[in-house]
């Protein structure tokens, strides 16, 4: 019964939500189509303003990976990770995750292909992906799009939260999966 309910909700939740928004707009006598078009125009202008920040972020990520800086950082941190019984395979993911969602997804895919999804590194990598955030991407794109240039405590707090998510992922996976 629960499986049927979850399946039903996952299939119909978004269409029902869209229908509810349209009905709510019509009841309040809002021209729903014009409001949609106006929102789409605003979204397009925001997307255009984001392009320079996105290009800058993609260039920085490319330089970080192609220069060999990530490999050096992984090599430097590997003895510490071995001492903490953290698989070396997940270290590049832990480094890339705060920088890039797509880059970290590519690393997750590599871990899944090499170690398998049911392996400890696969489960740990999956848990890390759900427990951490793309901090630099958020600061660059979202803060840049609204003109916030003084991030002050945002970067240290975001990176600290990512470190906490990484460490808690390790602890939880060790407890749950051995």
N, C-alpha and C. Protein backbone atom coordinates (compact mmCIF):
# COMPACT_ATOMS: atom_id res chain seq x y z
N UNK A 1 0.82 -1.20 0.00
CA UNK A 1 0.00 0.00 0.00
C UNK A 1 0.86 1.25 0.00
N UNK A 2 1.91 1.27 0.83
CA UNK A 2 2.78 2.44 0.90
C UNK A 2 3.52 2.63 -0.42
N UNK A 3 3.99 1.53 -1.02
CA UNK A 3 4.69 1.62 -2.30
C UNK A 3 3.78 2.21 -3.37
N UNK A 4 2.51 1.80 -3.38
CA UNK A 4 1.55 2.34 -4.34
C UNK A 4 1.35 3.84 -4.11
N UNK A 5 1.23 4.25 -2.85
CA UNK A 5 1.02 5.65 -2.52
C UNK A 5 2.22 6.50 -2.94
N UNK A 6 3.43 6.03 -2.68
CA UNK A 6 4.64 6.76 -3.08
C UNK A 6 4.71 6.86 -4.60
N UNK A 7 4.42 5.77 -5.28
CA UNK A 7 4.44 5.76 -6.75
C UNK A 7 3.40 6.73 -7.32
N UNK A 8 2.22 6.71 -6.74
CA UNK A 8 1.15 7.60 -7.20
C UNK A 8 1.54 9.06 -6.99
N UNK A 9 2.03 9.38 -5.79
CA UNK A 9 2.41 10.76 -5.49
C UNK A 9 3.54 11.25 -6.36
N UNK A 10 4.55 10.39 -6.58
CA UNK A 10 5.68 10.82 -7.41
C UNK A 10 5.27 11.04 -8.86
N UNK A 11 4.26 10.34 -9.32
CA UNK A 11 3.79 10.51 -10.70
C UNK A 11 2.90 11.73 -10.87
N UNK A 12 2.13 12.07 -9.84
CA UNK A 12 1.12 13.10 -9.99
C UNK A 12 1.37 14.39 -9.21
N UNK A 13 2.39 14.43 -8.39
CA UNK A 13 2.60 15.59 -7.54
C UNK A 13 2.87 16.87 -8.34
N UNK A 14 3.79 16.82 -9.29
CA UNK A 14 4.12 18.02 -10.07
C UNK A 14 2.93 18.47 -10.93
N UNK A 15 2.28 17.58 -11.69
CA UNK A 15 1.12 18.05 -12.45
C UNK A 15 0.01 18.63 -11.57
N UNK A 16 -0.22 18.01 -10.41
CA UNK A 16 -1.24 18.54 -9.50
C UNK A 16 -0.84 19.90 -8.94
N UNK A 17 0.44 20.07 -8.66
CA UNK A 17 0.92 21.36 -8.17
C UNK A 17 0.76 22.45 -9.23
N UNK A 18 1.09 22.15 -10.47
CA UNK A 18 0.90 23.11 -11.56
C UNK A 18 -0.58 23.45 -11.71
N UNK A 19 -1.43 22.45 -11.69
CA UNK A 19 -2.87 22.69 -11.80
C UNK A 19 -3.37 23.54 -10.63
N UNK A 20 -2.88 23.29 -9.43
CA UNK A 20 -3.31 24.07 -8.26
C UNK A 20 -2.89 25.52 -8.39
N UNK A 21 -1.69 25.78 -8.90
CA UNK A 21 -1.24 27.16 -9.09
C UNK A 21 -2.11 27.87 -10.13
N UNK A 22 -2.42 27.20 -11.22
CA UNK A 22 -3.27 27.79 -12.26
C UNK A 22 -4.66 28.08 -11.71
N UNK A 23 -5.24 27.12 -11.01
CA UNK A 23 -6.58 27.32 -10.44
C UNK A 23 -6.57 28.45 -9.43
N UNK A 24 -5.55 28.51 -8.58
CA UNK A 24 -5.44 29.58 -7.58
C UNK A 24 -5.37 30.94 -8.27
N UNK A 25 -4.57 31.02 -9.34
CA UNK A 25 -4.47 32.27 -10.10
C UNK A 25 -5.79 32.67 -10.74
N UNK A 26 -6.50 31.70 -11.29
CA UNK A 26 -7.79 32.01 -11.91
C UNK A 26 -8.82 32.45 -10.88
N UNK A 27 -8.83 31.83 -9.72
CA UNK A 27 -9.76 32.21 -8.66
C UNK A 27 -9.48 33.64 -8.20
N UNK A 28 -8.20 34.03 -8.16
CA UNK A 28 -7.83 35.38 -7.73
C UNK A 28 -7.88 36.38 -8.89
N UNK A 29 -8.37 35.92 -10.06
CA UNK A 29 -8.54 36.75 -11.25
C UNK A 29 -7.22 37.31 -11.77
N UNK A 30 -6.19 36.46 -11.75
CA UNK A 30 -4.88 36.81 -12.30
C UNK A 30 -4.79 36.24 -13.70
N UNK A 31 -4.27 37.04 -14.64
CA UNK A 31 -4.03 36.52 -15.98
C UNK A 31 -2.80 35.61 -15.89
N UNK A 32 -3.04 34.33 -15.76
CA UNK A 32 -1.98 33.36 -15.47
C UNK A 32 -0.96 33.31 -16.60
N UNK A 33 -1.39 33.35 -17.83
CA UNK A 33 -0.45 33.26 -18.95
C UNK A 33 0.47 34.48 -18.98
N UNK A 34 -0.09 35.67 -18.81
CA UNK A 34 0.73 36.88 -18.80
C UNK A 34 1.71 36.88 -17.63
N UNK A 35 1.27 36.41 -16.48
CA UNK A 35 2.16 36.32 -15.32
C UNK A 35 3.29 35.33 -15.60
N UNK A 36 2.97 34.23 -16.27
CA UNK A 36 3.98 33.24 -16.64
C UNK A 36 4.99 33.84 -17.61
N UNK A 37 4.51 34.54 -18.63
CA UNK A 37 5.40 35.14 -19.63
C UNK A 37 6.30 36.19 -18.97
N UNK A 38 5.73 37.00 -18.09
CA UNK A 38 6.52 38.02 -17.38
C UNK A 38 7.61 37.36 -16.52
N UNK A 39 7.26 36.28 -15.84
CA UNK A 39 8.25 35.55 -15.05
C UNK A 39 9.33 34.93 -15.91
N UNK A 40 8.95 34.42 -17.07
CA UNK A 40 9.92 33.83 -17.99
C UNK A 40 10.89 34.89 -18.50
N UNK A 41 10.38 36.10 -18.81
CA UNK A 41 11.25 37.20 -19.25
C UNK A 41 12.24 37.56 -18.15
N UNK A 42 11.76 37.64 -16.93
CA UNK A 42 12.63 37.96 -15.80
C UNK A 42 13.68 36.86 -15.60
N UNK A 43 13.26 35.61 -15.73
CA UNK A 43 14.20 34.49 -15.60
C UNK A 43 15.26 34.52 -16.68
N UNK A 44 14.88 34.89 -17.89
CA UNK A 44 15.84 34.97 -18.99
C UNK A 44 16.86 36.07 -18.72
N UNK A 45 16.40 37.22 -18.24
CA UNK A 45 17.35 38.31 -17.97
C UNK A 45 18.30 37.94 -16.84
N UNK A 46 17.82 37.20 -15.85
CA UNK A 46 18.69 36.73 -14.78
C UNK A 46 19.73 35.75 -15.33
N UNK A 47 19.28 34.86 -16.22
CA UNK A 47 20.21 33.89 -16.82
C UNK A 47 21.30 34.60 -17.61
N UNK A 48 20.95 35.66 -18.33
CA UNK A 48 21.94 36.41 -19.10
C UNK A 48 22.94 37.09 -18.15
N UNK A 49 22.46 37.62 -17.03
CA UNK A 49 23.36 38.24 -16.05
C UNK A 49 24.29 37.22 -15.39
N UNK A 50 23.87 35.96 -15.33
CA UNK A 50 24.68 34.91 -14.70
C UNK A 50 25.82 34.41 -15.59
N UNK A 51 25.73 34.62 -16.90
CA UNK A 51 26.70 34.04 -17.83
C UNK A 51 28.14 34.39 -17.48
N UNK A 52 28.49 35.66 -17.22
CA UNK A 52 29.91 35.95 -16.90
C UNK A 52 30.40 35.21 -15.65
N UNK A 53 29.56 35.11 -14.63
CA UNK A 53 29.94 34.41 -13.41
C UNK A 53 30.12 32.92 -13.68
N UNK A 54 29.24 32.36 -14.48
CA UNK A 54 29.31 30.95 -14.81
C UNK A 54 30.56 30.64 -15.62
N UNK A 55 30.87 31.48 -16.59
CA UNK A 55 32.08 31.27 -17.40
C UNK A 55 33.32 31.35 -16.51
N UNK A 56 33.37 32.35 -15.64
CA UNK A 56 34.51 32.48 -14.73
C UNK A 56 34.67 31.26 -13.84
N UNK A 57 33.56 30.76 -13.33
CA UNK A 57 33.61 29.58 -12.46
C UNK A 57 34.08 28.36 -13.24
N UNK A 58 33.59 28.16 -14.45
CA UNK A 58 33.99 27.01 -15.26
C UNK A 58 35.47 27.07 -15.63
N UNK A 59 35.98 28.27 -15.92
CA UNK A 59 37.41 28.42 -16.22
C UNK A 59 38.25 28.08 -14.99
N UNK A 60 37.83 28.57 -13.83
CA UNK A 60 38.57 28.29 -12.59
C UNK A 60 38.60 26.79 -12.29
N UNK A 61 37.47 26.12 -12.48
CA UNK A 61 37.42 24.66 -12.24
C UNK A 61 38.34 23.94 -13.21
N UNK A 62 38.29 24.34 -14.47
CA UNK A 62 39.16 23.72 -15.47
C UNK A 62 40.63 23.91 -15.14
N UNK A 63 40.99 25.11 -14.71
CA UNK A 63 42.38 25.36 -14.32
C UNK A 63 42.78 24.52 -13.12
N UNK A 64 41.90 24.41 -12.15
CA UNK A 64 42.19 23.63 -10.94
C UNK A 64 42.46 22.17 -11.28
N UNK A 65 41.64 21.60 -12.12
CA UNK A 65 41.82 20.19 -12.48
C UNK A 65 42.97 19.98 -13.45
N UNK A 66 43.04 20.82 -14.51
CA UNK A 66 44.03 20.61 -15.56
C UNK A 66 45.45 20.98 -15.14
N UNK A 67 45.58 21.83 -14.15
CA UNK A 67 46.92 22.23 -13.69
C UNK A 67 47.58 21.16 -12.84
N UNK A 68 46.81 20.21 -12.38
CA UNK A 68 47.34 19.17 -11.51
C UNK A 68 47.24 19.54 -10.04
N UNK A 69 46.62 20.69 -9.74
CA UNK A 69 46.51 21.12 -8.35
C UNK A 69 45.66 20.16 -7.54
N UNK A 70 44.60 19.63 -8.15
CA UNK A 70 43.76 18.70 -7.41
C UNK A 70 44.52 17.41 -7.09
N UNK A 71 45.28 16.90 -8.06
CA UNK A 71 46.05 15.69 -7.82
C UNK A 71 47.09 15.90 -6.72
N UNK A 72 47.73 17.07 -6.72
CA UNK A 72 48.69 17.37 -5.65
C UNK A 72 48.02 17.43 -4.29
N UNK A 73 46.85 18.04 -4.23
CA UNK A 73 46.12 18.13 -2.97
C UNK A 73 45.70 16.74 -2.49
N UNK A 74 45.23 15.90 -3.41
CA UNK A 74 44.85 14.53 -3.06
C UNK A 74 46.07 13.76 -2.55
N UNK A 75 47.18 13.91 -3.24
CA UNK A 75 48.41 13.21 -2.83
C UNK A 75 48.86 13.68 -1.45
N UNK A 76 48.75 14.95 -1.17
CA UNK A 76 49.17 15.52 0.11
C UNK A 76 48.26 15.05 1.25
N UNK A 77 46.96 14.95 0.99
CA UNK A 77 46.00 14.59 2.02
C UNK A 77 45.79 13.08 2.18
N UNK A 78 46.26 12.29 1.24
CA UNK A 78 46.03 10.83 1.28
C UNK A 78 46.54 10.16 2.56
N UNK A 79 47.73 10.49 3.07
CA UNK A 79 48.17 9.84 4.32
C UNK A 79 47.23 10.13 5.49
N UNK A 80 46.73 11.35 5.58
CA UNK A 80 45.79 11.70 6.64
C UNK A 80 44.51 10.89 6.50
N UNK A 81 44.01 10.76 5.28
CA UNK A 81 42.78 10.00 5.05
C UNK A 81 42.98 8.52 5.37
N UNK A 82 44.14 7.99 5.02
CA UNK A 82 44.43 6.57 5.34
C UNK A 82 44.46 6.37 6.85
N UNK A 83 45.02 7.34 7.58
CA UNK A 83 45.05 7.24 9.04
C UNK A 83 43.66 7.28 9.65
N UNK A 84 42.72 7.95 8.98
CA UNK A 84 41.33 8.03 9.47
C UNK A 84 40.45 6.92 8.88
N UNK A 85 41.05 6.02 8.11
CA UNK A 85 40.34 4.91 7.46
C UNK A 85 39.26 5.41 6.51
N UNK A 86 39.59 6.46 5.77
CA UNK A 86 38.70 7.00 4.75
C UNK A 86 39.26 6.56 3.40
N UNK A 87 38.45 5.92 2.57
CA UNK A 87 38.95 5.43 1.27
C UNK A 87 39.50 6.57 0.41
N UNK A 88 40.63 6.33 -0.20
CA UNK A 88 41.28 7.35 -1.03
C UNK A 88 40.42 7.74 -2.23
N UNK A 89 39.55 6.83 -2.67
CA UNK A 89 38.73 7.10 -3.85
C UNK A 89 37.79 8.29 -3.65
N UNK A 90 37.37 8.55 -2.42
CA UNK A 90 36.39 9.61 -2.18
C UNK A 90 37.03 10.97 -1.94
N UNK A 91 38.34 11.02 -1.78
CA UNK A 91 39.01 12.29 -1.50
C UNK A 91 38.86 13.29 -2.65
N UNK A 92 39.05 12.91 -3.91
CA UNK A 92 38.81 13.89 -4.98
C UNK A 92 37.37 14.42 -4.97
N UNK A 93 36.42 13.58 -4.63
CA UNK A 93 35.03 14.02 -4.53
C UNK A 93 34.85 15.03 -3.40
N UNK A 94 35.47 14.77 -2.26
CA UNK A 94 35.38 15.70 -1.13
C UNK A 94 35.99 17.05 -1.48
N UNK A 95 37.02 17.05 -2.30
CA UNK A 95 37.65 18.31 -2.70
C UNK A 95 36.82 19.02 -3.76
N UNK A 96 36.29 18.28 -4.72
CA UNK A 96 35.57 18.89 -5.84
C UNK A 96 34.15 19.33 -5.47
N UNK A 97 33.52 18.66 -4.53
CA UNK A 97 32.11 18.94 -4.22
C UNK A 97 31.83 20.40 -3.89
N UNK A 98 32.63 21.08 -3.07
CA UNK A 98 32.33 22.50 -2.80
C UNK A 98 32.54 23.40 -4.02
N UNK A 99 33.23 22.89 -5.03
CA UNK A 99 33.57 23.72 -6.18
C UNK A 99 32.56 23.57 -7.31
N UNK A 100 32.22 22.32 -7.62
CA UNK A 100 31.40 22.10 -8.82
C UNK A 100 30.47 20.90 -8.65
N UNK A 101 29.21 21.10 -8.94
CA UNK A 101 28.25 20.01 -8.91
C UNK A 101 28.48 19.02 -10.03
N UNK A 102 28.72 19.53 -11.25
CA UNK A 102 28.95 18.64 -12.38
C UNK A 102 30.26 17.89 -12.25
N UNK A 103 31.30 18.58 -11.78
CA UNK A 103 32.59 17.91 -11.56
C UNK A 103 32.49 16.83 -10.52
N UNK A 104 31.77 17.12 -9.44
CA UNK A 104 31.63 16.11 -8.39
C UNK A 104 30.73 14.96 -8.86
N UNK A 105 29.75 15.25 -9.70
CA UNK A 105 28.92 14.18 -10.24
C UNK A 105 29.74 13.25 -11.14
N UNK A 106 30.65 13.83 -11.91
CA UNK A 106 31.54 13.01 -12.74
C UNK A 106 32.43 12.12 -11.87
N UNK A 107 32.94 12.68 -10.76
CA UNK A 107 33.76 11.88 -9.86
C UNK A 107 32.94 10.79 -9.17
N UNK A 108 31.70 11.11 -8.82
CA UNK A 108 30.81 10.10 -8.23
C UNK A 108 30.60 8.96 -9.23
N UNK A 109 30.40 9.30 -10.48
CA UNK A 109 30.20 8.28 -11.51
C UNK A 109 31.44 7.38 -11.62
N UNK A 110 32.63 7.99 -11.57
CA UNK A 110 33.86 7.21 -11.63
C UNK A 110 33.96 6.26 -10.44
N UNK A 111 33.60 6.75 -9.26
CA UNK A 111 33.64 5.90 -8.06
C UNK A 111 32.67 4.74 -8.20
N UNK A 112 31.47 5.02 -8.70
CA UNK A 112 30.46 3.97 -8.88
C UNK A 112 30.93 2.93 -9.90
N UNK A 113 31.58 3.37 -10.97
CA UNK A 113 32.03 2.44 -11.99
C UNK A 113 33.22 1.60 -11.51
N UNK A 114 34.11 2.22 -10.73
CA UNK A 114 35.31 1.48 -10.31
C UNK A 114 35.06 0.63 -9.05
N UNK A 115 34.29 1.15 -8.10
CA UNK A 115 34.10 0.42 -6.84
C UNK A 115 32.74 -0.25 -6.73
N UNK A 116 31.76 0.26 -7.45
CA UNK A 116 30.41 -0.29 -7.38
C UNK A 116 29.53 0.50 -6.41
N UNK A 117 28.25 0.55 -6.67
CA UNK A 117 27.35 1.35 -5.83
C UNK A 117 27.13 0.75 -4.44
N UNK A 118 27.30 -0.55 -4.29
CA UNK A 118 27.09 -1.19 -2.99
C UNK A 118 28.37 -1.34 -2.18
N UNK A 119 29.47 -0.80 -2.71
CA UNK A 119 30.74 -0.85 -1.97
C UNK A 119 30.74 0.27 -0.93
N UNK A 120 31.67 0.18 0.01
CA UNK A 120 31.76 1.24 1.01
C UNK A 120 32.10 2.59 0.37
N UNK A 121 33.09 2.66 -0.56
CA UNK A 121 33.35 3.95 -1.21
C UNK A 121 32.14 4.48 -1.98
N UNK A 122 31.38 3.59 -2.63
CA UNK A 122 30.19 4.01 -3.36
C UNK A 122 29.12 4.57 -2.45
N UNK A 123 28.88 3.90 -1.35
CA UNK A 123 27.88 4.38 -0.40
C UNK A 123 28.34 5.67 0.28
N UNK A 124 29.62 5.75 0.61
CA UNK A 124 30.15 6.96 1.23
C UNK A 124 30.08 8.14 0.26
N UNK A 125 30.43 7.91 -0.98
CA UNK A 125 30.38 8.98 -1.98
C UNK A 125 28.94 9.46 -2.18
N UNK A 126 28.00 8.54 -2.22
CA UNK A 126 26.59 8.91 -2.36
C UNK A 126 26.11 9.72 -1.17
N UNK A 127 26.50 9.31 0.01
CA UNK A 127 26.11 10.03 1.22
C UNK A 127 26.75 11.42 1.24
N UNK A 128 28.00 11.51 0.81
CA UNK A 128 28.68 12.81 0.74
C UNK A 128 27.97 13.76 -0.22
N UNK A 129 27.54 13.24 -1.35
CA UNK A 129 26.85 14.08 -2.35
C UNK A 129 25.58 14.68 -1.76
N UNK A 130 24.89 13.92 -0.93
CA UNK A 130 23.66 14.42 -0.33
C UNK A 130 23.87 15.25 0.92
N UNK A 131 25.08 15.21 1.47
CA UNK A 131 25.34 15.89 2.75
C UNK A 131 26.18 17.16 2.60
N UNK A 132 26.62 17.45 1.39
CA UNK A 132 27.46 18.63 1.17
C UNK A 132 26.85 19.48 0.06
N UNK A 133 27.45 20.64 -0.15
CA UNK A 133 26.88 21.59 -1.10
C UNK A 133 27.99 22.15 -2.00
N UNK A 134 27.61 22.73 -3.10
CA UNK A 134 28.55 23.36 -4.03
C UNK A 134 28.76 24.82 -3.59
N UNK A 135 29.51 25.00 -2.54
CA UNK A 135 29.65 26.29 -1.87
C UNK A 135 30.19 27.38 -2.80
N UNK A 136 31.28 27.11 -3.50
CA UNK A 136 31.86 28.14 -4.37
C UNK A 136 30.90 28.50 -5.50
N UNK A 137 30.22 27.50 -6.04
CA UNK A 137 29.25 27.75 -7.10
C UNK A 137 28.13 28.65 -6.60
N UNK A 138 27.63 28.36 -5.42
CA UNK A 138 26.55 29.17 -4.85
C UNK A 138 27.01 30.60 -4.63
N UNK A 139 28.20 30.76 -4.04
CA UNK A 139 28.69 32.11 -3.79
C UNK A 139 28.93 32.86 -5.10
N UNK A 140 29.47 32.18 -6.09
CA UNK A 140 29.77 32.84 -7.36
C UNK A 140 28.50 33.18 -8.13
N UNK A 141 27.64 32.22 -8.32
CA UNK A 141 26.47 32.42 -9.18
C UNK A 141 25.36 33.17 -8.47
N UNK A 142 24.91 32.68 -7.34
CA UNK A 142 23.76 33.28 -6.70
C UNK A 142 24.07 34.63 -6.07
N UNK A 143 25.20 34.73 -5.39
CA UNK A 143 25.55 36.03 -4.82
C UNK A 143 25.87 37.02 -5.93
N UNK A 144 26.59 36.55 -6.97
CA UNK A 144 26.93 37.43 -8.08
C UNK A 144 25.72 37.93 -8.85
N UNK A 145 24.72 37.09 -8.98
CA UNK A 145 23.54 37.48 -9.77
C UNK A 145 22.73 38.58 -9.10
N UNK A 146 22.82 38.70 -7.79
CA UNK A 146 22.08 39.76 -7.09
C UNK A 146 23.01 40.87 -6.61
N UNK A 147 24.28 40.81 -7.02
CA UNK A 147 25.20 41.90 -6.76
C UNK A 147 25.84 41.91 -5.38
N UNK A 148 25.85 40.79 -4.69
CA UNK A 148 26.51 40.73 -3.38
C UNK A 148 27.99 40.47 -3.62
N UNK A 149 28.83 41.41 -3.24
CA UNK A 149 30.26 41.22 -3.45
C UNK A 149 31.01 40.98 -2.14
N UNK A 150 30.45 41.37 -1.02
CA UNK A 150 31.09 41.16 0.28
C UNK A 150 30.44 39.95 0.95
N UNK A 151 31.08 38.80 0.78
CA UNK A 151 30.49 37.56 1.30
C UNK A 151 30.82 37.34 2.77
N UNK A 152 31.78 38.04 3.28
CA UNK A 152 32.21 38.02 4.67
C UNK A 152 32.34 36.61 5.25
N UNK A 153 31.36 36.15 5.98
CA UNK A 153 31.45 34.85 6.64
C UNK A 153 30.87 33.70 5.81
N UNK A 154 30.30 34.01 4.67
CA UNK A 154 29.63 32.97 3.88
C UNK A 154 30.57 31.86 3.44
N UNK A 155 31.74 32.22 2.94
CA UNK A 155 32.68 31.20 2.46
C UNK A 155 33.20 30.33 3.60
N UNK A 156 33.71 30.90 4.70
CA UNK A 156 34.19 30.01 5.77
C UNK A 156 33.08 29.13 6.35
N UNK A 157 31.90 29.68 6.53
CA UNK A 157 30.80 28.89 7.09
C UNK A 157 30.37 27.81 6.12
N UNK A 158 30.29 28.14 4.83
CA UNK A 158 29.93 27.14 3.83
C UNK A 158 30.93 26.01 3.76
N UNK A 159 32.22 26.35 3.77
CA UNK A 159 33.25 25.30 3.73
C UNK A 159 33.28 24.48 5.01
N UNK A 160 33.03 25.13 6.13
CA UNK A 160 32.94 24.40 7.40
C UNK A 160 31.77 23.43 7.38
N UNK A 161 30.65 23.87 6.82
CA UNK A 161 29.48 22.98 6.70
C UNK A 161 29.79 21.80 5.77
N UNK A 162 30.53 22.07 4.68
CA UNK A 162 30.92 20.98 3.78
C UNK A 162 31.84 19.98 4.49
N UNK A 163 32.79 20.49 5.26
CA UNK A 163 33.67 19.61 6.02
C UNK A 163 32.87 18.79 7.03
N UNK A 164 31.93 19.44 7.70
CA UNK A 164 31.06 18.73 8.63
C UNK A 164 30.24 17.66 7.93
N UNK A 165 29.70 17.98 6.75
CA UNK A 165 28.94 16.99 5.98
C UNK A 165 29.81 15.81 5.57
N UNK A 166 31.04 16.09 5.19
CA UNK A 166 31.98 15.03 4.81
C UNK A 166 32.28 14.12 6.00
N UNK A 167 32.62 14.73 7.13
CA UNK A 167 32.98 13.94 8.31
C UNK A 167 31.81 13.15 8.87
N UNK A 168 30.64 13.76 8.90
CA UNK A 168 29.45 13.05 9.39
C UNK A 168 29.09 11.92 8.42
N UNK A 169 29.29 12.13 7.13
CA UNK A 169 29.05 11.05 6.15
C UNK A 169 29.93 9.86 6.44
N UNK A 170 31.20 10.13 6.75
CA UNK A 170 32.13 9.04 7.06
C UNK A 170 31.66 8.29 8.31
N UNK A 171 31.32 9.03 9.35
CA UNK A 171 30.89 8.40 10.60
C UNK A 171 29.61 7.58 10.39
N UNK A 172 28.63 8.18 9.74
CA UNK A 172 27.36 7.48 9.53
C UNK A 172 27.55 6.24 8.66
N UNK A 173 28.34 6.35 7.61
CA UNK A 173 28.57 5.19 6.75
C UNK A 173 29.36 4.11 7.47
N UNK A 174 30.31 4.51 8.31
CA UNK A 174 31.05 3.50 9.09
C UNK A 174 30.09 2.77 10.03
N UNK A 175 29.21 3.51 10.69
CA UNK A 175 28.26 2.88 11.60
C UNK A 175 27.23 2.02 10.86
N UNK A 176 26.76 2.50 9.73
CA UNK A 176 25.70 1.79 9.00
C UNK A 176 26.23 0.64 8.14
N UNK A 177 27.39 0.83 7.52
CA UNK A 177 27.86 -0.14 6.54
C UNK A 177 29.17 -0.82 6.92
N UNK A 178 29.74 -0.44 8.06
CA UNK A 178 30.96 -1.10 8.54
C UNK A 178 32.18 -0.64 7.90
